[in-house]
């Protein structure tokens, strides 16, 4: 039970880890200091964790990485929208 709480806490922190970056991009309409390589690499990593969670049927991994992946797709889309200033 303790490990489920630790996993859930980690999941919540991870799920919303990119929200501050998304809000900053929306506020400034700039991605000048955002690395596209980092966004794409992190998106792929989260997607692979999601696939792994589905494979082992771990609800914490599935939900956390699905939400994280959606936030990263939003960040990726905003990057391409605002990349040219």
PDB file of N, CA and C in Angstrom:
ATOM      1  N   UNK A   1       0.819  -1.200   0.000  1.00  0.00           N
ATOM      2  CA  UNK A   1       0.000   0.000   0.000  1.00  0.00           C
ATOM      3  C   UNK A   1       0.864   1.266   0.000  1.00  0.00           C
ATOM      4  N   UNK A   2       1.943   1.260   0.781  1.00  0.00           N
ATOM      5  CA  UNK A   2       2.837   2.418   0.811  1.00  0.00           C
ATOM      6  C   UNK A   2       3.412   2.687  -0.574  1.00  0.00           C
ATOM      7  N   UNK A   3       3.792   1.633  -1.291  1.00  0.00           N
ATOM      8  CA  UNK A   3       4.379   1.822  -2.612  1.00  0.00           C
ATOM      9  C   UNK A   3       3.351   2.334  -3.610  1.00  0.00           C
ATOM     10  N   UNK A   4       2.086   1.978  -3.423  1.00  0.00           N
ATOM     11  CA  UNK A   4       1.037   2.538  -4.284  1.00  0.00           C
ATOM     12  C   UNK A   4       0.905   4.039  -4.052  1.00  0.00           C
ATOM     13  N   UNK A   5       1.017   4.477  -2.805  1.00  0.00           N
ATOM     14  CA  UNK A   5       0.963   5.914  -2.497  1.00  0.00           C
ATOM     15  C   UNK A   5       2.169   6.645  -3.073  1.00  0.00           C
ATOM     16  N   UNK A   6       3.338   6.038  -2.945  1.00  0.00           N
ATOM     17  CA  UNK A   6       4.552   6.642  -3.511  1.00  0.00           C
ATOM     18  C   UNK A   6       4.432   6.719  -5.031  1.00  0.00           C
ATOM     19  N   UNK A   7       3.971   5.639  -5.642  1.00  0.00           N
ATOM     20  CA  UNK A   7       3.780   5.626  -7.095  1.00  0.00           C
ATOM     21  C   UNK A   7       2.755   6.649  -7.543  1.00  0.00           C
ATOM     22  N   UNK A   8       1.681   6.768  -6.788  1.00  0.00           N
ATOM     23  CA  UNK A   8       0.646   7.744  -7.129  1.00  0.00           C
ATOM     24  C   UNK A   8       1.164   9.168  -6.979  1.00  0.00           C
ATOM     25  N   UNK A   9       1.928   9.422  -5.935  1.00  0.00           N
ATOM     26  CA  UNK A   9       2.525  10.749  -5.754  1.00  0.00           C
ATOM     27  C   UNK A   9       3.470  11.093  -6.883  1.00  0.00           C
ATOM     28  N   UNK A  10       4.300  10.144  -7.250  1.00  0.00           N
ATOM     29  CA  UNK A  10       5.217  10.357  -8.368  1.00  0.00           C
ATOM     30  C   UNK A  10       4.443  10.593  -9.658  1.00  0.00           C
ATOM     31  N   UNK A  11       3.359   9.856  -9.831  1.00  0.00           N
ATOM     32  CA  UNK A  11       2.538  10.002 -11.035  1.00  0.00           C
ATOM     33  C   UNK A  11       1.942  11.397 -11.127  1.00  0.00           C
ATOM     34  N   UNK A  12       1.415  11.910 -10.026  1.00  0.00           N
ATOM     35  CA  UNK A  12       0.814  13.247 -10.032  1.00  0.00           C
ATOM     36  C   UNK A  12       1.861  14.305 -10.382  1.00  0.00           C
ATOM     37  N   UNK A  13       3.038  14.193  -9.783  1.00  0.00           N
ATOM     38  CA  UNK A  13       4.099  15.164 -10.083  1.00  0.00           C
ATOM     39  C   UNK A  13       4.515  15.094 -11.541  1.00  0.00           C
ATOM     40  N   UNK A  14       4.624  13.891 -12.078  1.00  0.00           N
ATOM     41  CA  UNK A  14       5.032  13.707 -13.465  1.00  0.00           C
ATOM     42  C   UNK A  14       3.949  14.162 -14.441  1.00  0.00           C
ATOM     43  N   UNK A  15       2.701  13.824 -14.128  1.00  0.00           N
ATOM     44  CA  UNK A  15       1.596  14.155 -15.035  1.00  0.00           C
ATOM     45  C   UNK A  15       1.530  15.638 -15.339  1.00  0.00           C
ATOM     46  N   UNK A  16       1.790  16.447 -14.330  1.00  0.00           N
ATOM     47  CA  UNK A  16       1.618  17.884 -14.496  1.00  0.00           C
ATOM     48  C   UNK A  16       2.948  18.629 -14.537  1.00  0.00           C
ATOM     49  N   UNK A  17       4.040  17.913 -14.761  1.00  0.00           N
ATOM     50  CA  UNK A  17       5.363  18.514 -14.776  1.00  0.00           C
ATOM     51  C   UNK A  17       5.576  19.529 -15.885  1.00  0.00           C
ATOM     52  N   UNK A  18       4.891  19.363 -17.004  1.00  0.00           N
ATOM     53  CA  UNK A  18       5.088  20.288 -18.125  1.00  0.00           C
ATOM     54  C   UNK A  18       4.041  21.397 -18.177  1.00  0.00           C
ATOM     55  N   UNK A  19       3.081  21.367 -17.271  1.00  0.00           N
ATOM     56  CA  UNK A  19       2.048  22.407 -17.262  1.00  0.00           C
ATOM     57  C   UNK A  19       2.650  23.806 -17.062  1.00  0.00           C
ATOM     58  N   UNK A  20       3.593  23.999 -16.125  1.00  0.00           N
ATOM     59  CA  UNK A  20       4.184  25.345 -16.003  1.00  0.00           C
ATOM     60  C   UNK A  20       4.854  25.819 -17.300  1.00  0.00           C
ATOM     61  N   UNK A  21       5.500  24.914 -18.020  1.00  0.00           N
ATOM     62  CA  UNK A  21       6.133  25.287 -19.294  1.00  0.00           C
ATOM     63  C   UNK A  21       5.076  25.672 -20.322  1.00  0.00           C
ATOM     64  N   UNK A  22       3.995  24.903 -20.373  1.00  0.00           N
ATOM     65  CA  UNK A  22       2.905  25.206 -21.297  1.00  0.00           C
ATOM     66  C   UNK A  22       2.313  26.577 -20.982  1.00  0.00           C
ATOM     67  N   UNK A  23       2.082  26.847 -19.713  1.00  0.00           N
ATOM     68  CA  UNK A  23       1.531  28.150 -19.320  1.00  0.00           C
ATOM     69  C   UNK A  23       2.475  29.291 -19.682  1.00  0.00           C
ATOM     70  N   UNK A  24       3.779  29.073 -19.504  1.00  0.00           N
ATOM     71  CA  UNK A  24       4.756  30.111 -19.866  1.00  0.00           C
ATOM     72  C   UNK A  24       4.758  30.352 -21.375  1.00  0.00           C
ATOM     73  N   UNK A  25       4.687  29.278 -22.154  1.00  0.00           N
ATOM     74  CA  UNK A  25       4.641  29.431 -23.611  1.00  0.00           C
ATOM     75  C   UNK A  25       3.396  30.217 -24.012  1.00  0.00           C
ATOM     76  N   UNK A  26       2.262  29.874 -23.424  1.00  0.00           N
ATOM     77  CA  UNK A  26       1.023  30.582 -23.753  1.00  0.00           C
ATOM     78  C   UNK A  26       1.080  32.043 -23.342  1.00  0.00           C
ATOM     79  N   UNK A  27       1.666  32.316 -22.180  1.00  0.00           N
ATOM     80  CA  UNK A  27       1.746  33.694 -21.673  1.00  0.00           C
ATOM     81  C   UNK A  27       2.689  34.546 -22.513  1.00  0.00           C
ATOM     82  N   UNK A  28       3.854  33.980 -22.876  1.00  0.00           N
ATOM     83  CA  UNK A  28       4.863  34.759 -23.599  1.00  0.00           C
ATOM     84  C   UNK A  28       4.772  34.618 -25.115  1.00  0.00           C
ATOM     85  N   UNK A  29       4.044  33.599 -25.565  1.00  0.00           N
ATOM     86  CA  UNK A  29       3.966  33.273 -26.997  1.00  0.00           C
ATOM     87  C   UNK A  29       5.353  33.098 -27.593  1.00  0.00           C
ATOM     88  N   UNK A  30       6.222  32.499 -26.798  1.00  0.00           N
ATOM     89  CA  UNK A  30       7.610  32.285 -27.219  1.00  0.00           C
ATOM     90  C   UNK A  30       8.085  30.908 -26.768  1.00  0.00           C
ATOM     91  N   UNK A  31       8.861  30.259 -27.631  1.00  0.00           N
ATOM     92  CA  UNK A  31       9.503  28.984 -27.285  1.00  0.00           C
ATOM     93  C   UNK A  31      11.015  29.097 -27.457  1.00  0.00           C
ATOM     94  N   UNK A  32      11.509  30.328 -27.390  1.00  0.00           N
ATOM     95  CA  UNK A  32      12.921  30.597 -27.625  1.00  0.00           C
ATOM     96  C   UNK A  32      13.838  29.763 -26.740  1.00  0.00           C
ATOM     97  N   UNK A  33      13.482  29.578 -25.487  1.00  0.00           N
ATOM     98  CA  UNK A  33      14.340  28.846 -24.551  1.00  0.00           C
ATOM     99  C   UNK A  33      13.920  27.394 -24.360  1.00  0.00           C
ATOM    100  N   UNK A  34      13.058  26.883 -25.228  1.00  0.00           N
ATOM    101  CA  UNK A  34      12.584  25.505 -25.122  1.00  0.00           C
ATOM    102  C   UNK A  34      13.307  24.655 -26.159  1.00  0.00           C
ATOM    103  N   UNK A  35      13.812  23.512 -25.735  1.00  0.00           N
ATOM    104  CA  UNK A  35      14.522  22.615 -26.632  1.00  0.00           C
ATOM    105  C   UNK A  35      13.544  21.648 -27.305  1.00  0.00           C
ATOM    106  N   UNK A  36      13.483  21.698 -28.636  1.00  0.00           N
ATOM    107  CA  UNK A  36      12.625  20.776 -29.377  1.00  0.00           C
ATOM    108  C   UNK A  36      13.087  19.334 -29.192  1.00  0.00           C
ATOM    109  N   UNK A  37      14.394  19.121 -29.202  1.00  0.00           N
ATOM    110  CA  UNK A  37      14.927  17.765 -29.022  1.00  0.00           C
ATOM    111  C   UNK A  37      14.480  17.197 -27.675  1.00  0.00           C
ATOM    112  N   UNK A  38      14.549  18.009 -26.620  1.00  0.00           N
ATOM    113  CA  UNK A  38      14.120  17.557 -25.300  1.00  0.00           C
ATOM    114  C   UNK A  38      12.634  17.212 -25.317  1.00  0.00           C
ATOM    115  N   UNK A  39      11.812  18.068 -25.906  1.00  0.00           N
ATOM    116  CA  UNK A  39      10.372  17.801 -25.955  1.00  0.00           C
ATOM    117  C   UNK A  39      10.065  16.505 -26.700  1.00  0.00           C
ATOM    118  N   UNK A  40      10.684  16.320 -27.844  1.00  0.00           N
ATOM    119  CA  UNK A  40      10.427  15.115 -28.631  1.00  0.00           C
ATOM    120  C   UNK A  40      10.965  13.859 -27.947  1.00  0.00           C
ATOM    121  N   UNK A  41      12.145  13.960 -27.366  1.00  0.00           N
ATOM    122  CA  UNK A  41      12.730  12.822 -26.654  1.00  0.00           C
ATOM    123  C   UNK A  41      11.865  12.441 -25.455  1.00  0.00           C
ATOM    124  N   UNK A  42      11.437  13.416 -24.694  1.00  0.00           N
ATOM    125  CA  UNK A  42      10.609  13.159 -23.521  1.00  0.00           C
ATOM    126  C   UNK A  42       9.258  12.592 -23.934  1.00  0.00           C
ATOM    127  N   UNK A  43       8.691  13.118 -25.022  1.00  0.00           N
ATOM    128  CA  UNK A  43       7.415  12.608 -25.522  1.00  0.00           C
ATOM    129  C   UNK A  43       7.530  11.138 -25.905  1.00  0.00           C
ATOM    130  N   UNK A  44       8.590  10.798 -26.605  1.00  0.00           N
ATOM    131  CA  UNK A  44       8.790   9.401 -26.989  1.00  0.00           C
ATOM    132  C   UNK A  44       8.986   8.518 -25.764  1.00  0.00           C
ATOM    133  N   UNK A  45       9.769   8.984 -24.806  1.00  0.00           N
ATOM    134  CA  UNK A  45       9.990   8.216 -23.589  1.00  0.00           C
ATOM    135  C   UNK A  45       8.703   7.972 -22.825  1.00  0.00           C
ATOM    136  N   UNK A  46       7.881   9.010 -22.683  1.00  0.00           N
ATOM    137  CA  UNK A  46       6.599   8.870 -21.989  1.00  0.00           C
ATOM    138  C   UNK A  46       5.684   7.926 -22.756  1.00  0.00           C
ATOM    139  N   UNK A  47       5.677   8.012 -24.077  1.00  0.00           N
ATOM    140  CA  UNK A  47       4.851   7.113 -24.884  1.00  0.00           C
ATOM    141  C   UNK A  47       5.283   5.657 -24.675  1.00  0.00           C
ATOM    142  N   UNK A  48       6.584   5.420 -24.627  1.00  0.00           N
ATOM    143  CA  UNK A  48       7.077   4.057 -24.400  1.00  0.00           C
ATOM    144  C   UNK A  48       6.708   3.565 -23.005  1.00  0.00           C
ATOM    145  N   UNK A  49       6.774   4.444 -21.995  1.00  0.00           N
ATOM    146  CA  UNK A  49       6.322   4.071 -20.648  1.00  0.00           C
ATOM    147  C   UNK A  49       4.833   3.731 -20.668  1.00  0.00           C
ATOM    148  N   UNK A  50       4.053   4.483 -21.440  1.00  0.00           N
ATOM    149  CA  UNK A  50       2.624   4.199 -21.563  1.00  0.00           C
ATOM    150  C   UNK A  50       2.412   2.808 -22.160  1.00  0.00           C
ATOM    151  N   UNK A  51       3.133   2.499 -23.219  1.00  0.00           N
ATOM    152  CA  UNK A  51       3.025   1.167 -23.819  1.00  0.00           C
ATOM    153  C   UNK A  51       3.406   0.078 -22.818  1.00  0.00           C
ATOM    154  N   UNK A  52       4.467   0.309 -22.072  1.00  0.00           N
ATOM    155  CA  UNK A  52       4.898  -0.657 -21.064  1.00  0.00           C
ATOM    156  C   UNK A  52       3.819  -0.828 -19.991  1.00  0.00           C
ATOM    157  N   UNK A  53       3.245   0.267 -19.526  1.00  0.00           N
ATOM    158  CA  UNK A  53       2.175   0.202 -18.535  1.00  0.00           C
ATOM    159  C   UNK A  53       0.985  -0.589 -19.047  1.00  0.00           C
ATOM    160  N   UNK A  54       0.637  -0.380 -20.316  1.00  0.00           N
ATOM    161  CA  UNK A  54      -0.445  -1.155 -20.914  1.00  0.00           C
ATOM    162  C   UNK A  54      -0.097  -2.641 -20.958  1.00  0.00           C
ATOM    163  N   UNK A  55       1.143  -2.931 -21.307  1.00  0.00           N
ATOM    164  CA  UNK A  55       1.588  -4.323 -21.403  1.00  0.00           C
ATOM    165  C   UNK A  55       1.505  -5.039 -20.053  1.00  0.00           C
ATOM    166  N   UNK A  56       1.956  -4.361 -18.987  1.00  0.00           N
ATOM    167  CA  UNK A  56       1.931  -5.014 -17.671  1.00  0.00           C
ATOM    168  C   UNK A  56       0.634  -4.729 -16.903  1.00  0.00           C
ATOM    169  N   UNK A  57      -0.249  -3.946 -17.508  1.00  0.00           N
ATOM    170  CA  UNK A  57      -1.556  -3.611 -16.927  1.00  0.00           C
ATOM    171  C   UNK A  57      -1.447  -2.936 -15.559  1.00  0.00           C
ATOM    172  N   UNK A  58      -0.604  -1.924 -15.522  1.00  0.00           N
ATOM    173  CA  UNK A  58      -0.405  -1.158 -14.300  1.00  0.00           C
ATOM    174  C   UNK A  58      -1.144   0.169 -14.443  1.00  0.00           C
ATOM    175  N   UNK A  59      -2.233   0.318 -13.697  1.00  0.00           N
ATOM    176  CA  UNK A  59      -3.082   1.502 -13.844  1.00  0.00           C
ATOM    177  C   UNK A  59      -2.360   2.803 -13.526  1.00  0.00           C
ATOM    178  N   UNK A  60      -1.475   2.779 -12.542  1.00  0.00           N
ATOM    179  CA  UNK A  60      -0.735   4.002 -12.214  1.00  0.00           C
ATOM    180  C   UNK A  60       0.126   4.428 -13.399  1.00  0.00           C
ATOM    181  N   UNK A  61       0.848   3.493 -13.985  1.00  0.00           N
ATOM    182  CA  UNK A  61       1.677   3.822 -15.151  1.00  0.00           C
ATOM    183  C   UNK A  61       0.829   4.264 -16.337  1.00  0.00           C
ATOM    184  N   UNK A  62      -0.284   3.607 -16.537  1.00  0.00           N
ATOM    185  CA  UNK A  62      -1.138   3.935 -17.676  1.00  0.00           C
ATOM    186  C   UNK A  62      -1.687   5.350 -17.555  1.00  0.00           C
ATOM    187  N   UNK A  63      -2.307   5.656 -16.433  1.00  0.00           N
ATOM    188  CA  UNK A  63      -2.926   6.984 -16.263  1.00  0.00           C
ATOM    189  C   UNK A  63      -1.870   8.079 -16.253  1.00  0.00           C
ATOM    190  N   UNK A  64      -0.813   7.881 -15.480  1.00  0.00           N
ATOM    191  CA  UNK A  64       0.226   8.911 -15.377  1.00  0.00           C
ATOM    192  C   UNK A  64       0.852   9.214 -16.729  1.00  0.00           C
ATOM    193  N   UNK A  65       1.168   8.185 -17.475  1.00  0.00           N
ATOM    194  CA  UNK A  65       1.845   8.413 -18.748  1.00  0.00           C
ATOM    195  C   UNK A  65       0.886   8.852 -19.842  1.00  0.00           C
ATOM    196  N   UNK A  66      -0.373   8.469 -19.764  1.00  0.00           N
ATOM    197  CA  UNK A  66      -1.351   8.972 -20.734  1.00  0.00           C
ATOM    198  C   UNK A  66      -1.538  10.481 -20.548  1.00  0.00           C
ATOM    199  N   UNK A  67      -1.707  10.916 -19.296  1.00  0.00           N
ATOM    200  CA  UNK A  67      -1.873  12.350 -19.029  1.00  0.00           C
ATOM    201  C   UNK A  67      -0.591  13.102 -19.383  1.00  0.00           C
ATOM    202  N   UNK A  68       0.553  12.555 -18.999  1.00  0.00           N
ATOM    203  CA  UNK A  68       1.836  13.194 -19.327  1.00  0.00           C
ATOM    204  C   UNK A  68       2.016  13.315 -20.829  1.00  0.00           C
ATOM    205  N   UNK A  69       1.652  12.277 -21.553  1.00  0.00           N
ATOM    206  CA  UNK A  69       1.804  12.294 -23.007  1.00  0.00           C
ATOM    207  C   UNK A  69       0.922  13.375 -23.625  1.00  0.00           C
ATOM    208  N   UNK A  70      -0.302  13.511 -23.135  1.00  0.00           N
ATOM    209  CA  UNK A  70      -1.199  14.553 -23.651  1.00  0.00           C
ATOM    210  C   UNK A  70      -0.607  15.937 -23.395  1.00  0.00           C
ATOM    211  N   UNK A  71      -0.073  16.166 -22.193  1.00  0.00           N
ATOM    212  CA  UNK A  71       0.506  17.486 -21.921  1.00  0.00           C
ATOM    213  C   UNK A  71       1.726  17.735 -22.807  1.00  0.00           C
ATOM    214  N   UNK A  72       2.484  16.691 -23.078  1.00  0.00           N
ATOM    215  CA  UNK A  72       3.644  16.858 -23.950  1.00  0.00           C
ATOM    216  C   UNK A  72       3.237  17.086 -25.403  1.00  0.00           C
ATOM    217  N   UNK A  73       2.179  16.455 -25.853  1.00  0.00           N
ATOM    218  CA  UNK A  73       1.684  16.712 -27.205  1.00  0.00           C
ATOM    219  C   UNK A  73       1.242  18.174 -27.314  1.00  0.00           C
ATOM    220  N   UNK A  74       0.606  18.687 -26.274  1.00  0.00           N
ATOM    221  CA  UNK A  74       0.224  20.101 -26.258  1.00  0.00           C
ATOM    222  C   UNK A  74       1.473  20.981 -26.312  1.00  0.00           C
ATOM    223  N   UNK A  75       2.488  20.658 -25.515  1.00  0.00           N
ATOM    224  CA  UNK A  75       3.737  21.430 -25.525  1.00  0.00           C
ATOM    225  C   UNK A  75       4.405  21.358 -26.898  1.00  0.00           C
ATOM    226  N   UNK A  76       4.407  20.165 -27.508  1.00  0.00           N
ATOM    227  CA  UNK A  76       4.990  20.015 -28.850  1.00  0.00           C
ATOM    228  C   UNK A  76       4.247  20.881 -29.860  1.00  0.00           C
ATOM    229  N   UNK A  77       2.916  20.852 -29.806  1.00  0.00           N
ATOM    230  CA  UNK A  77       2.107  21.637 -30.739  1.00  0.00           C
ATOM    231  C   UNK A  77       2.365  23.135 -30.552  1.00  0.00           C
ATOM    232  N   UNK A  78       2.445  23.558 -29.292  1.00  0.00           N
ATOM    233  CA  UNK A  78       2.730  24.977 -29.030  1.00  0.00           C
ATOM    234  C   UNK A  78       4.117  25.352 -29.524  1.00  0.00           C
ATOM    235  N   UNK A  79       5.068  24.434 -29.416  1.00  0.00           N
ATOM    236  CA  UNK A  79       6.414  24.709 -29.914  1.00  0.00           C
ATOM    237  C   UNK A  79       6.344  25.044 -31.409  1.00  0.00           C
ATOM    238  N   UNK A  80       5.649  24.185 -32.158  1.00  0.00           N
ATOM    239  CA  UNK A  80       5.578  24.404 -33.595  1.00  0.00           C
ATOM    240  C   UNK A  80       4.751  25.638 -33.943  1.00  0.00           C
ATOM    241  N   UNK A  81       3.775  25.967 -33.127  1.00  0.00           N
ATOM    242  CA  UNK A  81       2.974  27.166 -33.373  1.00  0.00           C
ATOM    243  C   UNK A  81       3.784  28.445 -33.159  1.00  0.00           C
ATOM    244  N   UNK A  82       4.604  28.469 -32.118  1.00  0.00           N
ATOM    245  CA  UNK A  82       5.320  29.695 -31.749  1.00  0.00           C
ATOM    246  C   UNK A  82       6.810  29.688 -32.086  1.00  0.00           C
ATOM    247  N   UNK A  83       7.293  28.720 -32.827  1.00  0.00           N
ATOM    248  CA  UNK A  83       8.733  28.603 -33.056  1.00  0.00           C
ATOM    249  C   UNK A  83       9.342  29.761 -33.842  1.00  0.00           C
ATOM    250  N   UNK A  84       8.574  30.416 -34.663  1.00  0.00           N
ATOM    251  CA  UNK A  84       9.107  31.508 -35.480  1.00  0.00           C
ATOM    252  C   UNK A  84       8.801  32.877 -34.896  1.00  0.00           C
ATOM    253  N   UNK A  85       8.473  32.893 -33.624  1.00  0.00           N
ATOM    254  CA  UNK A  85       8.209  34.165 -32.968  1.00  0.00           C
ATOM    255  C   UNK A  85       6.847  34.656 -33.317  1.00  0.00           C
TER     256      UNK A  85
END
